[in-house]
Amino acid sequence: MIEFVPDIPRWRQVAEVMRQRIKDGTYPPRTRVPSVLQLAEEFQIATMTAYKVLRALREEGLTYTEPGLGSFVAKNPKH
């Protein structure tokens, strides 16, 4: 669990944690990242907030989504 900074949206803070995990290899390329529900539980955030996190990572090219399977780290994530 992270300690949230009041002036920064929570989804941005969680997205930064996830970016770091991808960068440091906690989530290697082509591995599944936590689902919306898993992120919501781990970080104690709303599911809509968790959805924003996954959408941001996908838009940045760090992850991709396989319908029905989940989100995965991109083969060559852009750092």
Protein backbone atom coordinates (compact mmCIF):
# COMPACT_ATOMS: atom_id res chain seq x y z
CA MET A 1 0.00 0.00 0.00
CA ILE A 2 1.27 3.46 -0.82
CA GLU A 3 0.72 6.65 1.09
CA PHE A 4 -1.19 8.93 -1.25
CA VAL A 5 -0.20 12.56 -1.77
CA PRO A 6 -3.31 14.75 -1.47
CA ASP A 7 -2.69 17.08 -4.43
CA ILE A 8 -2.05 14.38 -7.06
CA PRO A 9 -4.90 12.22 -8.42
CA ARG A 10 -4.74 8.72 -7.01
CA TRP A 11 -4.86 7.10 -10.44
CA ARG A 12 -1.70 8.98 -11.42
CA GLN A 13 0.08 7.83 -8.28
CA VAL A 14 -0.91 4.19 -8.78
CA ALA A 15 0.02 4.40 -12.47
CA GLU A 16 3.49 5.60 -11.43
CA VAL A 17 3.87 2.59 -9.11
CA MET A 18 2.85 0.29 -11.96
CA ARG A 19 5.25 2.02 -14.39
CA GLN A 20 8.06 1.46 -11.91
CA ARG A 21 7.13 -2.20 -11.50
CA ILE A 22 7.23 -2.66 -15.27
CA LYS A 23 10.55 -0.81 -15.51
CA ASP A 24 12.21 -2.80 -12.71
CA GLY A 25 11.02 -6.15 -14.05
CA THR A 26 8.47 -6.95 -11.36
CA TYR A 27 6.14 -7.39 -14.33
CA PRO A 28 8.32 -8.62 -17.23
CA PRO A 29 7.24 -8.31 -20.87
CA ARG A 30 4.24 -10.41 -21.87
CA THR A 31 3.20 -11.12 -18.27
CA ARG A 32 -0.23 -10.28 -16.97
CA VAL A 33 -0.63 -7.22 -14.80
CA PRO A 34 -3.21 -7.05 -12.01
CA SER A 35 -6.83 -6.66 -13.03
CA VAL A 36 -9.03 -3.70 -12.17
CA LEU A 37 -10.35 -5.55 -9.14
CA GLN A 38 -6.89 -6.60 -8.01
CA LEU A 39 -5.57 -3.04 -8.30
CA ALA A 40 -8.59 -1.70 -6.45
CA GLU A 41 -8.01 -4.15 -3.62
CA GLU A 42 -4.23 -3.72 -3.41
CA PHE A 43 -4.29 0.08 -3.42
CA GLN A 44 -7.67 0.55 -1.73
CA ILE A 45 -9.01 2.61 -4.64
CA ALA A 46 -12.29 2.60 -6.54
CA THR A 47 -12.60 0.29 -9.53
CA MET A 48 -13.11 3.30 -11.82
CA THR A 49 -9.79 4.69 -10.55
CA ALA A 50 -8.11 1.34 -11.24
CA TYR A 51 -9.60 1.34 -14.74
CA LYS A 52 -8.00 4.76 -15.36
CA VAL A 53 -4.64 3.33 -14.30
CA LEU A 54 -4.84 0.46 -16.79
CA ARG A 55 -6.08 2.76 -19.55
CA ALA A 56 -3.16 5.16 -18.97
CA LEU A 57 -0.61 2.33 -19.11
CA ARG A 58 -2.17 1.04 -22.33
CA GLU A 59 -2.21 4.51 -23.92
CA GLU A 60 1.48 4.92 -23.02
CA GLY A 61 2.34 1.70 -24.81
CA LEU A 62 3.41 -0.09 -21.63
CA THR A 63 0.62 -2.66 -21.74
CA TYR A 64 -1.90 -4.15 -24.12
CA THR A 65 -5.24 -5.77 -23.48
CA GLU A 66 -6.43 -9.16 -24.71
CA PRO A 67 -10.24 -9.21 -24.53
CA GLY A 68 -11.38 -11.80 -22.04
CA LEU A 69 -7.83 -12.46 -20.81
CA GLY A 70 -6.65 -9.23 -19.20
CA SER A 71 -3.84 -6.72 -19.57
CA PHE A 72 -0.25 -7.69 -20.26
CA VAL A 73 3.09 -5.90 -20.33
CA ALA A 74 4.07 -4.96 -23.88
CA LYS A 75 6.83 -6.95 -25.58
CA ASN A 76 9.04 -3.85 -25.67
CA PRO A 77 7.48 -1.45 -23.17
CA LYS A 78 8.30 2.19 -23.83
CA HIS A 79 9.91 3.64 -20.71
